[in-house]
PDB file of N, CA and C in Angstrom:
ATOM      1  N   MET A   1     -29.578  -3.412  37.951  1.00  0.00           N
ATOM      2  CA  MET A   1     -28.875  -4.082  38.986  1.00  0.00           C
ATOM      3  C   MET A   1     -28.896  -5.374  38.658  1.00  0.00           C
ATOM      4  N   ASP A   2     -27.706  -5.967  38.606  1.00  0.00           N
ATOM      5  CA  ASP A   2     -27.486  -7.136  38.029  1.00  0.00           C
ATOM      6  C   ASP A   2     -27.889  -8.339  39.234  1.00  0.00           C
ATOM      7  N   ALA A   3     -27.812  -9.637  38.495  1.00  0.00           N
ATOM      8  CA  ALA A   3     -28.484 -10.032  39.118  1.00  0.00           C
ATOM      9  C   ALA A   3     -27.425 -11.866  38.434  1.00  0.00           C
ATOM     10  N   ILE A   4     -27.465 -12.437  39.420  1.00  0.00           N
ATOM     11  CA  ILE A   4     -27.272 -14.204  39.456  1.00  0.00           C
ATOM     12  C   ILE A   4     -28.485 -14.578  39.332  1.00  0.00           C
ATOM     13  N   VAL A   5     -28.856 -15.506  38.546  1.00  0.00           N
ATOM     14  CA  VAL A   5     -30.992 -16.136  38.370  1.00  0.00           C
ATOM     15  C   VAL A   5     -30.327 -17.165  38.890  1.00  0.00           C
ATOM     16  N   ILE A   6     -30.974 -17.934  39.612  1.00  0.00           N
ATOM     17  CA  ILE A   6     -31.078 -19.274  39.572  1.00  0.00           C
ATOM     18  C   ILE A   6     -32.589 -19.947  39.270  1.00  0.00           C
ATOM     19  N   ARG A   7     -33.366 -20.295  38.989  1.00  0.00           N
ATOM     20  CA  ARG A   7     -34.591 -21.158  38.666  1.00  0.00           C
ATOM     21  C   ARG A   7     -34.753 -22.718  38.904  1.00  0.00           C
ATOM     22  N   ASP A   8     -36.229 -22.722  39.493  1.00  0.00           N
ATOM     23  CA  ASP A   8     -36.709 -24.207  39.941  1.00  0.00           C
ATOM     24  C   ASP A   8     -35.141 -25.087  41.018  1.00  0.00           C
ATOM     25  N   LEU A   9     -34.201 -24.728  41.336  1.00  0.00           N
ATOM     26  CA  LEU A   9     -34.136 -25.054  42.961  1.00  0.00           C
ATOM     27  C   LEU A   9     -34.258 -26.199  43.390  1.00  0.00           C
ATOM     28  N   ARG A  10     -34.626 -27.534  43.412  1.00  0.00           N
ATOM     29  CA  ARG A  10     -35.908 -28.245  44.405  1.00  0.00           C
ATOM     30  C   ARG A  10     -34.868 -28.241  45.504  1.00  0.00           C
ATOM     31  N   VAL A  11     -35.011 -29.202  46.245  1.00  0.00           N
ATOM     32  CA  VAL A  11     -35.146 -29.756  47.307  1.00  0.00           C
ATOM     33  C   VAL A  11     -36.149 -29.939  48.338  1.00  0.00           C
ATOM     34  N   GLU A  12     -35.546 -30.993  48.825  1.00  0.00           N
ATOM     35  CA  GLU A  12     -36.372 -32.212  49.600  1.00  0.00           C
ATOM     36  C   GLU A  12     -36.492 -30.992  51.526  1.00  0.00           C
ATOM     37  N   CYS A  13     -38.007 -31.505  52.467  1.00  0.00           N
ATOM     38  CA  CYS A  13     -37.965 -30.559  53.362  1.00  0.00           C
ATOM     39  C   CYS A  13     -38.578 -30.917  54.139  1.00  0.00           C
ATOM     40  N   ILE A  14     -38.241 -31.018  55.194  1.00  0.00           N
ATOM     41  CA  ILE A  14     -39.795 -30.554  55.702  1.00  0.00           C
ATOM     42  C   ILE A  14     -40.567 -29.932  55.972  1.00  0.00           C
ATOM     43  N   ILE A  15     -42.362 -29.892  55.797  1.00  0.00           N
ATOM     44  CA  ILE A  15     -42.242 -28.160  55.625  1.00  0.00           C
ATOM     45  C   ILE A  15     -43.535 -28.253  55.872  1.00  0.00           C
ATOM     46  N   GLY A  16     -44.368 -26.973  56.908  1.00  0.00           N
ATOM     47  CA  GLY A  16     -45.842 -27.548  57.381  1.00  0.00           C
ATOM     48  C   GLY A  16     -46.082 -27.406  58.312  1.00  0.00           C
ATOM     49  N   ILE A  17     -47.627 -26.634  58.040  1.00  0.00           N
ATOM     50  CA  ILE A  17     -48.750 -26.618  59.536  1.00  0.00           C
ATOM     51  C   ILE A  17     -49.266 -27.714  60.235  1.00  0.00           C
ATOM     52  N   HIS A  18     -49.474 -28.742  58.656  1.00  0.00           N
ATOM     53  CA  HIS A  18     -50.788 -30.006  59.078  1.00  0.00           C
ATOM     54  C   HIS A  18     -49.892 -30.896  59.847  1.00  0.00           C
ATOM     55  N   ARG A  19     -50.756 -31.256  60.552  1.00  0.00           N
ATOM     56  CA  ARG A  19     -50.432 -32.470  60.773  1.00  0.00           C
ATOM     57  C   ARG A  19     -49.640 -33.837  59.263  1.00  0.00           C
ATOM     58  N   ARG A  20     -50.018 -34.011  58.591  1.00  0.00           N
ATOM     59  CA  ARG A  20     -50.116 -34.611  57.761  1.00  0.00           C
ATOM     60  C   ARG A  20     -48.491 -34.637  56.742  1.00  0.00           C
ATOM     61  N   GLU A  21     -47.886 -33.186  57.327  1.00  0.00           N
ATOM     62  CA  GLU A  21     -47.000 -32.357  56.571  1.00  0.00           C
ATOM     63  C   GLU A  21     -45.576 -32.837  56.895  1.00  0.00           C
ATOM     64  N   ARG A  22     -46.129 -33.020  58.850  1.00  0.00           N
ATOM     65  CA  ARG A  22     -44.908 -33.138  59.851  1.00  0.00           C
ATOM     66  C   ARG A  22     -44.017 -34.041  59.631  1.00  0.00           C
ATOM     67  N   HIS A  23     -44.036 -35.278  58.508  1.00  0.00           N
ATOM     68  CA  HIS A  23     -43.050 -35.667  58.780  1.00  0.00           C
ATOM     69  C   HIS A  23     -43.136 -36.756  57.805  1.00  0.00           C
ATOM     70  N   VAL A  24     -43.145 -36.514  56.496  1.00  0.00           N
ATOM     71  CA  VAL A  24     -43.345 -36.696  54.835  1.00  0.00           C
ATOM     72  C   VAL A  24     -42.206 -35.821  54.298  1.00  0.00           C
ATOM     73  N   LEU A  25     -41.307 -35.813  53.675  1.00  0.00           N
ATOM     74  CA  LEU A  25     -40.529 -34.817  52.850  1.00  0.00           C
ATOM     75  C   LEU A  25     -41.099 -34.329  51.908  1.00  0.00           C
ATOM     76  N   GLN A  26     -41.247 -32.925  51.422  1.00  0.00           N
ATOM     77  CA  GLN A  26     -41.809 -31.999  50.486  1.00  0.00           C
ATOM     78  C   GLN A  26     -40.994 -31.659  49.649  1.00  0.00           C
ATOM     79  N   THR A  27     -41.209 -31.672  48.046  1.00  0.00           N
ATOM     80  CA  THR A  27     -40.335 -30.949  46.880  1.00  0.00           C
ATOM     81  C   THR A  27     -40.564 -28.781  46.990  1.00  0.00           C
ATOM     82  N   VAL A  28     -39.799 -28.637  47.261  1.00  0.00           N
ATOM     83  CA  VAL A  28     -40.211 -26.930  47.305  1.00  0.00           C
ATOM     84  C   VAL A  28     -38.733 -27.024  46.438  1.00  0.00           C
ATOM     85  N   SER A  29     -39.460 -26.129  45.211  1.00  0.00           N
ATOM     86  CA  SER A  29     -39.475 -25.345  44.712  1.00  0.00           C
ATOM     87  C   SER A  29     -38.619 -24.099  44.806  1.00  0.00           C
ATOM     88  N   ILE A  30     -37.627 -22.931  44.077  1.00  0.00           N
ATOM     89  CA  ILE A  30     -36.638 -22.123  44.792  1.00  0.00           C
ATOM     90  C   ILE A  30     -36.284 -21.429  43.725  1.00  0.00           C
ATOM     91  N   ASP A  31     -36.925 -19.874  43.197  1.00  0.00           N
ATOM     92  CA  ASP A  31     -36.298 -19.213  42.610  1.00  0.00           C
ATOM     93  C   ASP A  31     -35.514 -18.215  43.039  1.00  0.00           C
ATOM     94  N   LEU A  32     -34.385 -17.383  42.625  1.00  0.00           N
ATOM     95  CA  LEU A  32     -33.599 -17.083  43.348  1.00  0.00           C
ATOM     96  C   LEU A  32     -33.263 -16.079  41.939  1.00  0.00           C
ATOM     97  N   GLU A  33     -32.648 -14.502  42.197  1.00  0.00           N
ATOM     98  CA  GLU A  33     -32.184 -13.595  41.899  1.00  0.00           C
ATOM     99  C   GLU A  33     -31.509 -13.028  42.920  1.00  0.00           C
ATOM    100  N   ILE A  34     -30.207 -13.163  43.189  1.00  0.00           N
ATOM    101  CA  ILE A  34     -29.330 -12.676  44.018  1.00  0.00           C
ATOM    102  C   ILE A  34     -28.271 -11.038  43.873  1.00  0.00           C
ATOM    103  N   GLY A  35     -28.837 -10.223  44.555  1.00  0.00           N
ATOM    104  CA  GLY A  35     -27.689  -8.900  43.442  1.00  0.00           C
ATOM    105  C   GLY A  35     -25.621  -9.754  43.636  1.00  0.00           C
ATOM    106  N   VAL A  36     -25.499  -9.108  42.252  1.00  0.00           N
ATOM    107  CA  VAL A  36     -24.364  -9.034  41.530  1.00  0.00           C
ATOM    108  C   VAL A  36     -23.445  -8.941  43.618  1.00  0.00           C
ATOM    109  N   PRO A  37     -22.068  -8.884  44.122  1.00  0.00           N
ATOM    110  CA  PRO A  37     -21.437  -7.986  45.240  1.00  0.00           C
ATOM    111  C   PRO A  37     -20.588  -6.778  44.639  1.00  0.00           C
ATOM    112  N   GLY A  38     -21.079  -6.361  42.894  1.00  0.00           N
ATOM    113  CA  GLY A  38     -19.939  -5.384  42.448  1.00  0.00           C
ATOM    114  C   GLY A  38     -19.457  -5.323  41.566  1.00  0.00           C
ATOM    115  N   ALA A  39     -18.919  -4.234  40.841  1.00  0.00           N
ATOM    116  CA  ALA A  39     -18.703  -4.873  39.121  1.00  0.00           C
ATOM    117  C   ALA A  39     -16.913  -5.259  39.296  1.00  0.00           C
ATOM    118  N   ALA A  40     -16.479  -5.134  40.028  1.00  0.00           N
ATOM    119  CA  ALA A  40     -15.196  -6.002  39.116  1.00  0.00           C
ATOM    120  C   ALA A  40     -15.342  -7.094  39.248  1.00  0.00           C
ATOM    121  N   VAL A  41     -16.210  -8.255  39.317  1.00  0.00           N
ATOM    122  CA  VAL A  41     -16.197  -9.558  38.466  1.00  0.00           C
ATOM    123  C   VAL A  41     -16.318  -9.299  36.750  1.00  0.00           C
ATOM    124  N   PHE A  42     -17.171  -7.950  36.057  1.00  0.00           N
ATOM    125  CA  PHE A  42     -17.528  -8.064  35.310  1.00  0.00           C
ATOM    126  C   PHE A  42     -15.690  -7.347  34.572  1.00  0.00           C
ATOM    127  N   ALA A  43     -14.414  -7.177  35.057  1.00  0.00           N
ATOM    128  CA  ALA A  43     -13.457  -7.014  34.960  1.00  0.00           C
ATOM    129  C   ALA A  43     -12.446  -8.095  35.260  1.00  0.00           C
ATOM    130  N   SER A  44     -12.436  -8.686  36.059  1.00  0.00           N
ATOM    131  CA  SER A  44     -11.641 -10.180  35.994  1.00  0.00           C
ATOM    132  C   SER A  44     -11.662 -10.992  36.054  1.00  0.00           C
ATOM    133  N   ASP A  45     -13.224 -11.755  35.180  1.00  0.00           N
ATOM    134  CA  ASP A  45     -13.810 -12.612  35.239  1.00  0.00           C
ATOM    135  C   ASP A  45     -13.372 -14.485  36.243  1.00  0.00           C
ATOM    136  N   LYS A  46     -13.298 -13.403  38.077  1.00  0.00           N
ATOM    137  CA  LYS A  46     -12.765 -14.144  38.852  1.00  0.00           C
ATOM    138  C   LYS A  46     -14.190 -14.615  39.907  1.00  0.00           C
ATOM    139  N   VAL A  47     -14.512 -15.264  39.820  1.00  0.00           N
ATOM    140  CA  VAL A  47     -15.223 -16.134  40.554  1.00  0.00           C
ATOM    141  C   VAL A  47     -15.517 -15.057  42.117  1.00  0.00           C
ATOM    142  N   ALA A  48     -14.171 -15.504  42.955  1.00  0.00           N
ATOM    143  CA  ALA A  48     -13.848 -14.149  43.712  1.00  0.00           C
ATOM    144  C   ALA A  48     -14.325 -13.566  43.974  1.00  0.00           C
ATOM    145  N   ASP A  49     -14.755 -12.974  42.918  1.00  0.00           N
ATOM    146  CA  ASP A  49     -15.330 -11.775  43.126  1.00  0.00           C
ATOM    147  C   ASP A  49     -16.482 -11.576  43.005  1.00  0.00           C
ATOM    148  N   THR A  50     -17.664 -12.029  42.521  1.00  0.00           N
ATOM    149  CA  THR A  50     -19.226 -12.233  42.273  1.00  0.00           C
ATOM    150  C   THR A  50     -19.229 -13.570  43.503  1.00  0.00           C
ATOM    151  N   ILE A  51     -20.677 -14.080  43.179  1.00  0.00           N
ATOM    152  CA  ILE A  51     -20.913 -15.430  44.299  1.00  0.00           C
ATOM    153  C   ILE A  51     -21.183 -16.512  43.642  1.00  0.00           C
ATOM    154  N   ASP A  52     -20.549 -17.839  44.290  1.00  0.00           N
ATOM    155  CA  ASP A  52     -20.473 -18.902  43.781  1.00  0.00           C
ATOM    156  C   ASP A  52     -21.848 -19.596  43.818  1.00  0.00           C
ATOM    157  N   TYR A  53     -22.187 -19.444  42.454  1.00  0.00           N
ATOM    158  CA  TYR A  53     -24.471 -20.699  42.483  1.00  0.00           C
ATOM    159  C   TYR A  53     -24.448 -21.653  42.795  1.00  0.00           C
ATOM    160  N   GLU A  54     -23.433 -22.087  42.035  1.00  0.00           N
ATOM    161  CA  GLU A  54     -23.157 -23.804  42.788  1.00  0.00           C
ATOM    162  C   GLU A  54     -22.362 -24.375  44.981  1.00  0.00           C
ATOM    163  N   GLN A  55     -22.310 -23.189  45.096  1.00  0.00           N
ATOM    164  CA  GLN A  55     -22.204 -23.402  46.491  1.00  0.00           C
ATOM    165  C   GLN A  55     -23.140 -23.268  47.468  1.00  0.00           C
ATOM    166  N   VAL A  56     -23.861 -21.504  46.833  1.00  0.00           N
ATOM    167  CA  VAL A  56     -25.103 -21.147  47.580  1.00  0.00           C
ATOM    168  C   VAL A  56     -26.005 -22.220  47.038  1.00  0.00           C
ATOM    169  N   THR A  57     -26.455 -22.581  45.786  1.00  0.00           N
ATOM    170  CA  THR A  57     -27.453 -24.504  46.104  1.00  0.00           C
ATOM    171  C   THR A  57     -26.520 -25.782  47.108  1.00  0.00           C
ATOM    172  N   LEU A  58     -25.967 -25.365  47.399  1.00  0.00           N
ATOM    173  CA  LEU A  58     -25.210 -26.887  48.573  1.00  0.00           C
ATOM    174  C   LEU A  58     -25.995 -25.868  49.485  1.00  0.00           C
ATOM    175  N   ARG A  59     -25.182 -24.940  49.754  1.00  0.00           N
ATOM    176  CA  ARG A  59     -26.425 -24.414  51.794  1.00  0.00           C
ATOM    177  C   ARG A  59     -27.717 -24.292  51.573  1.00  0.00           C
ATOM    178  N   ILE A  60     -27.978 -23.872  50.060  1.00  0.00           N
ATOM    179  CA  ILE A  60     -29.259 -24.228  50.511  1.00  0.00           C
ATOM    180  C   ILE A  60     -30.417 -25.642  50.795  1.00  0.00           C
ATOM    181  N   ARG A  61     -29.570 -26.415  49.839  1.00  0.00           N
ATOM    182  CA  ARG A  61     -29.985 -27.903  49.601  1.00  0.00           C
ATOM    183  C   ARG A  61     -29.481 -27.918  51.769  1.00  0.00           C
ATOM    184  N   ASP A  62     -28.466 -27.917  52.364  1.00  0.00           N
ATOM    185  CA  ASP A  62     -27.643 -28.211  53.807  1.00  0.00           C
ATOM    186  C   ASP A  62     -28.690 -27.333  54.189  1.00  0.00           C
ATOM    187  N   LEU A  63     -29.479 -26.211  53.732  1.00  0.00           N
ATOM    188  CA  LEU A  63     -30.738 -25.157  55.251  1.00  0.00           C
ATOM    189  C   LEU A  63     -32.410 -26.567  54.926  1.00  0.00           C
ATOM    190  N   ALA A  64     -32.217 -26.878  53.874  1.00  0.00           N
ATOM    191  CA  ALA A  64     -33.867 -27.659  54.127  1.00  0.00           C
ATOM    192  C   ALA A  64     -33.326 -28.935  54.311  1.00  0.00           C
ATOM    193  N   GLU A  65     -32.448 -29.710  53.971  1.00  0.00           N
ATOM    194  CA  GLU A  65     -32.695 -31.147  55.115  1.00  0.00           C
ATOM    195  C   GLU A  65     -31.632 -30.780  56.390  1.00  0.00           C
ATOM    196  N   ARG A  66     -31.004 -29.956  57.474  1.00  0.00           N
ATOM    197  CA  ARG A  66     -31.124 -29.474  58.509  1.00  0.00           C
ATOM    198  C   ARG A  66     -33.019 -29.184  59.345  1.00  0.00           C
ATOM    199  N   GLY A  67     -33.364 -27.945  58.435  1.00  0.00           N
ATOM    200  CA  GLY A  67     -33.946 -27.829  58.874  1.00  0.00           C
ATOM    201  C   GLY A  67     -35.878 -27.948  59.211  1.00  0.00           C
ATOM    202  N   LYS A  68     -36.556 -28.275  60.045  1.00  0.00           N
ATOM    203  CA  LYS A  68     -37.878 -28.578  59.492  1.00  0.00           C
ATOM    204  C   LYS A  68     -38.831 -27.626  60.401  1.00  0.00           C
ATOM    205  N   TYR A  69     -39.497 -26.849  59.273  1.00  0.00           N
ATOM    206  CA  TYR A  69     -39.726 -25.058  58.949  1.00  0.00           C
ATOM    207  C   TYR A  69     -41.343 -25.164  59.102  1.00  0.00           C
ATOM    208  N   ARG A  70     -42.817 -24.823  59.666  1.00  0.00           N
ATOM    209  CA  ARG A  70     -43.705 -24.945  59.657  1.00  0.00           C
ATOM    210  C   ARG A  70     -44.049 -23.743  58.582  1.00  0.00           C
ATOM    211  N   LEU A  71     -43.346 -22.365  58.240  1.00  0.00           N
ATOM    212  CA  LEU A  71     -43.523 -21.964  57.090  1.00  0.00           C
ATOM    213  C   LEU A  71     -43.026 -21.956  56.106  1.00  0.00           C
ATOM    214  N   VAL A  72     -43.713 -21.606  54.901  1.00  0.00           N
ATOM    215  CA  VAL A  72     -43.198 -21.171  53.516  1.00  0.00           C
ATOM    216  C   VAL A  72     -42.191 -20.018  54.074  1.00  0.00           C
ATOM    217  N   GLU A  73     -42.746 -18.568  54.639  1.00  0.00           N
ATOM    218  CA  GLU A  73     -42.015 -17.979  54.966  1.00  0.00           C
ATOM    219  C   GLU A  73     -41.133 -17.703  55.767  1.00  0.00           C
ATOM    220  N   THR A  74     -41.053 -18.863  57.121  1.00  0.00           N
ATOM    221  CA  THR A  74     -39.580 -18.682  57.390  1.00  0.00           C
ATOM    222  C   THR A  74     -38.979 -19.414  56.813  1.00  0.00           C
ATOM    223  N   PHE A  75     -38.472 -20.024  55.825  1.00  0.00           N
ATOM    224  CA  PHE A  75     -37.426 -21.308  54.687  1.00  0.00           C
ATOM    225  C   PHE A  75     -37.248 -20.049  54.628  1.00  0.00           C
ATOM    226  N   VAL A  76     -37.839 -19.016  53.805  1.00  0.00           N
ATOM    227  CA  VAL A  76     -37.624 -18.246  52.988  1.00  0.00           C
ATOM    228  C   VAL A  76     -36.700 -17.070  53.269  1.00  0.00           C
ATOM    229  N   ASP A  77     -37.422 -16.505  54.376  1.00  0.00           N
ATOM    230  CA  ASP A  77     -36.401 -15.748  55.585  1.00  0.00           C
ATOM    231  C   ASP A  77     -34.786 -16.003  55.307  1.00  0.00           C
ATOM    232  N   ARG A  78     -34.941 -17.259  55.650  1.00  0.00           N
ATOM    233  CA  ARG A  78     -33.711 -18.375  56.200  1.00  0.00           C
ATOM    234  C   ARG A  78     -32.568 -17.880  55.207  1.00  0.00           C
ATOM    235  N   ILE A  79     -33.558 -18.060  53.456  1.00  0.00           N
ATOM    236  CA  ILE A  79     -32.870 -18.167  52.582  1.00  0.00           C
ATOM    237  C   ILE A  79     -32.049 -17.321  52.822  1.00  0.00           C
ATOM    238  N   ALA A  80     -32.674 -15.936  51.828  1.00  0.00           N
ATOM    239  CA  ALA A  80     -32.398 -14.799  51.737  1.00  0.00           C
ATOM    240  C   ALA A  80     -30.993 -14.046  53.048  1.00  0.00           C
ATOM    241  N   ALA A  81     -31.210 -14.061  54.368  1.00  0.00           N
ATOM    242  CA  ALA A  81     -30.327 -14.029  55.723  1.00  0.00           C
ATOM    243  C   ALA A  81     -29.321 -15.038  55.557  1.00  0.00           C
ATOM    244  N   LEU A  82     -29.387 -16.338  54.359  1.00  0.00           N
ATOM    245  CA  LEU A  82     -27.822 -16.600  53.862  1.00  0.00           C
ATOM    246  C   LEU A  82     -27.146 -15.777  53.409  1.00  0.00           C
ATOM    247  N   LEU A  83     -28.261 -16.150  52.169  1.00  0.00           N
ATOM    248  CA  LEU A  83     -27.627 -15.039  50.987  1.00  0.00           C
ATOM    249  C   LEU A  83     -26.786 -13.767  51.571  1.00  0.00           C
ATOM    250  N   ILE A  84     -27.645 -12.879  52.222  1.00  0.00           N
ATOM    251  CA  ILE A  84     -26.958 -11.184  52.330  1.00  0.00           C
ATOM    252  C   ILE A  84     -25.732 -11.326  53.343  1.00  0.00           C
ATOM    253  N   GLU A  85     -25.633 -12.508  54.244  1.00  0.00           N
ATOM    254  CA  GLU A  85     -25.030 -12.221  55.898  1.00  0.00           C
ATOM    255  C   GLU A  85     -23.545 -13.425  55.204  1.00  0.00           C
ATOM    256  N   ASP A  86     -24.034 -14.309  54.803  1.00  0.00           N
ATOM    257  CA  ASP A  86     -22.844 -15.246  54.051  1.00  0.00           C
ATOM    258  C   ASP A  86     -22.136 -15.250  52.905  1.00  0.00           C
ATOM    259  N   PHE A  87     -23.024 -14.625  51.439  1.00  0.00           N
ATOM    260  CA  PHE A  87     -22.222 -14.589  50.618  1.00  0.00           C
ATOM    261  C   PHE A  87     -22.277 -13.553  50.645  1.00  0.00           C
ATOM    262  N   GLY A  88     -22.513 -12.311  51.286  1.00  0.00           N
ATOM    263  CA  GLY A  88     -22.618 -10.936  50.783  1.00  0.00           C
ATOM    264  C   GLY A  88     -23.125 -10.547  49.526  1.00  0.00           C
ATOM    265  N   ALA A  89     -24.352 -11.501  49.101  1.00  0.00           N
ATOM    266  CA  ALA A  89     -25.164 -10.673  48.335  1.00  0.00           C
ATOM    267  C   ALA A  89     -25.546  -9.001  48.800  1.00  0.00           C
ATOM    268  N   PRO A  90     -25.778  -7.557  47.928  1.00  0.00           N
ATOM    269  CA  PRO A  90     -26.449  -6.638  48.326  1.00  0.00           C
ATOM    270  C   PRO A  90     -27.992  -6.276  48.757  1.00  0.00           C
ATOM    271  N   TRP A  91     -27.988  -7.376  47.699  1.00  0.00           N
ATOM    272  CA  TRP A  91     -30.316  -7.578  48.134  1.00  0.00           C
ATOM    273  C   TRP A  91     -30.198  -9.060  47.050  1.00  0.00           C
ATOM    274  N   VAL A  92     -31.448  -9.388  47.820  1.00  0.00           N
ATOM    275  CA  VAL A  92     -31.925 -10.805  47.332  1.00  0.00           C
ATOM    276  C   VAL A  92     -33.463 -11.264  46.837  1.00  0.00           C
ATOM    277  N   LYS A  93     -33.814 -11.806  46.071  1.00  0.00           N
ATOM    278  CA  LYS A  93     -35.065 -12.604  45.648  1.00  0.00           C
ATOM    279  C   LYS A  93     -34.971 -13.853  45.849  1.00  0.00           C
ATOM    280  N   VAL A  94     -36.177 -13.804  46.728  1.00  0.00           N
ATOM    281  CA  VAL A  94     -36.726 -15.662  47.083  1.00  0.00           C
ATOM    282  C   VAL A  94     -37.956 -15.298  46.759  1.00  0.00           C
ATOM    283  N   SER A  95     -37.667 -17.051  46.673  1.00  0.00           N
ATOM    284  CA  SER A  95     -39.131 -17.577  46.017  1.00  0.00           C
ATOM    285  C   SER A  95     -38.892 -18.927  46.494  1.00  0.00           C
ATOM    286  N   ALA A  96     -40.288 -19.461  46.834  1.00  0.00           N
ATOM    287  CA  ALA A  96     -40.348 -20.985  47.147  1.00  0.00           C
ATOM    288  C   ALA A  96     -41.388 -21.234  47.251  1.00  0.00           C
ATOM    289  N   ALA A  97     -41.403 -22.399  46.362  1.00  0.00           N
ATOM    290  CA  ALA A  97     -43.238 -22.836  46.362  1.00  0.00           C
ATOM    291  C   ALA A  97     -43.284 -24.203  46.631  1.00  0.00           C
ATOM    292  N   LYS A  98     -43.933 -25.087  47.742  1.00  0.00           N
ATOM    293  CA  LYS A  98     -44.666 -25.940  47.677  1.00  0.00           C
ATOM    294  C   LYS A  98     -45.345 -26.479  46.320  1.00  0.00           C
ATOM    295  N   LEU A  99     -44.557 -28.025  46.057  1.00  0.00           N
ATOM    296  CA  LEU A  99     -45.408 -28.483  44.833  1.00  0.00           C
ATOM    297  C   LEU A  99     -46.296 -28.949  45.324  1.00  0.00           C
ATOM    298  N   GLY A 100     -47.198 -29.471  44.464  1.00  0.00           N
ATOM    299  CA  GLY A 100     -48.712 -30.022  44.616  1.00  0.00           C
ATOM    300  C   GLY A 100     -50.208 -30.561  46.358  1.00  0.00           C
ATOM    301  N   ILE A 101     -49.407 -29.296  46.726  1.00  0.00           N
ATOM    302  CA  ILE A 101     -50.030 -28.824  48.460  1.00  0.00           C
ATOM    303  C   ILE A 101     -51.615 -29.422  48.346  1.00  0.00           C
ATOM    304  N   LEU A 102     -52.085 -28.745  47.268  1.00  0.00           N
ATOM    305  CA  LEU A 102     -53.590 -28.206  47.554  1.00  0.00           C
ATOM    306  C   LEU A 102     -54.488 -29.302  45.558  1.00  0.00           C
ATOM    307  N   PRO A 103     -55.814 -29.756  46.022  1.00  0.00           N
ATOM    308  CA  PRO A 103     -55.751 -29.902  45.352  1.00  0.00           C
ATOM    309  C   PRO A 103     -55.796 -29.135  44.019  1.00  0.00           C
ATOM    310  N   ASN A 104     -56.265 -28.797  42.497  1.00  0.00           N
ATOM    311  CA  ASN A 104     -56.270 -28.395  41.801  1.00  0.00           C
ATOM    312  C   ASN A 104     -54.894 -27.121  41.954  1.00  0.00           C
ATOM    313  N   VAL A 105     -54.626 -26.829  42.575  1.00  0.00           N
ATOM    314  CA  VAL A 105     -53.518 -25.325  42.365  1.00  0.00           C
ATOM    315  C   VAL A 105     -51.833 -26.584  42.019  1.00  0.00           C
ATOM    316  N   LYS A 106     -51.488 -25.543  40.949  1.00  0.00           N
ATOM    317  CA  LYS A 106     -49.609 -26.209  41.227  1.00  0.00           C
ATOM    318  C   LYS A 106     -49.002 -26.030  42.221  1.00  0.00           C
ATOM    319  N   PHE A 107     -48.760 -24.571  42.386  1.00  0.00           N
ATOM    320  CA  PHE A 107     -47.894 -25.384  44.098  1.00  0.00           C
ATOM    321  C   PHE A 107     -48.603 -23.727  44.643  1.00  0.00           C
ATOM    322  N   VAL A 108     -47.657 -23.577  45.990  1.00  0.00           N
ATOM    323  CA  VAL A 108     -48.231 -22.389  47.511  1.00  0.00           C
ATOM    324  C   VAL A 108     -46.584 -21.997  47.055  1.00  0.00           C
ATOM    325  N   GLY A 109     -46.593 -20.676  46.546  1.00  0.00           N
ATOM    326  CA  GLY A 109     -45.741 -20.178  47.924  1.00  0.00           C
ATOM    327  C   GLY A 109     -45.597 -19.036  48.327  1.00  0.00           C
ATOM    328  N   VAL A 110     -44.200 -18.762  48.067  1.00  0.00           N
ATOM    329  CA  VAL A 110     -43.999 -16.990  48.922  1.00  0.00           C
ATOM    330  C   VAL A 110     -42.853 -15.792  48.408  1.00  0.00           C
ATOM    331  N   THR A 111     -42.893 -14.736  48.162  1.00  0.00           N
ATOM    332  CA  THR A 111     -41.812 -14.488  47.418  1.00  0.00           C
ATOM    333  C   THR A 111     -41.298 -12.493  48.804  1.00  0.00           C
ATOM    334  N   VAL A 112     -39.992 -12.925  49.067  1.00  0.00           N
ATOM    335  CA  VAL A 112     -39.819 -12.444  50.395  1.00  0.00           C
ATOM    336  C   VAL A 112     -38.027 -11.331  48.839  1.00  0.00           C
ATOM    337  N   GLU A 113     -38.395  -9.636  49.243  1.00  0.00           N
ATOM    338  CA  GLU A 113     -37.324  -9.591  48.556  1.00  0.00           C
ATOM    339  C   GLU A 113     -36.494  -8.843  50.144  1.00  0.00           C
ATOM    340  N   ARG A 114     -35.113  -9.012  50.338  1.00  0.00           N
ATOM    341  CA  ARG A 114     -34.100  -8.109  51.739  1.00  0.00           C
ATOM    342  C   ARG A 114     -33.583  -7.399  50.550  1.00  0.00           C
ATOM    343  N   ARG A 115     -32.583  -6.435  51.684  1.00  0.00           N
ATOM    344  CA  ARG A 115     -31.600  -6.212  51.442  1.00  0.00           C
ATOM    345  C   ARG A 115     -30.446  -5.766  51.999  1.00  0.00           C
ATOM    346  N   ARG A 116     -29.069  -5.661  51.885  1.00  0.00           N
ATOM    347  CA  ARG A 116     -27.928  -5.713  53.281  1.00  0.00           C
ATOM    348  C   ARG A 116     -28.346  -4.083  54.094  1.00  0.00           C
ATOM    349  N   PRO A 117     -28.709  -3.919  54.925  1.00  0.00           N
ATOM    350  CA  PRO A 117     -28.350  -2.472  55.614  1.00  0.00           C
ATOM    351  C   PRO A 117     -27.693  -2.023  55.495  1.00  0.00           C
ATOM    352  N   GLY A 118     -27.950  -0.954  55.370  1.00  0.00           N
ATOM    353  CA  GLY A 118     -26.913   0.359  54.830  1.00  0.00           C
ATOM    354  C   GLY A 118     -27.092   1.105  54.406  1.00  0.00           C
TER     355      GLY A 118
END
């Protein structure tokens, strides 16, 4: 299971169910494991044969900036769908955590795993 790994991608977004969270940007830390779409990249050494992780981070930042999410679950599900549908990942594992949102808790987050249908 070959994967592209991105750790601690920090984005700012409106996320939360509480009134105090609905108007303030919060920092969310994102960890990604993205299935490599095939073995061709290992022979070709070409980014066209894999998933461009710079483009992944840019698209996730855009998703964070454009959306207002109530739940972290919704945000990670949207990220997973983006990676599978737009980047052609065969599988993904996406974790996102709101930092410092609860007293005496470093972070609170959610992890989802998704596979391309078929």
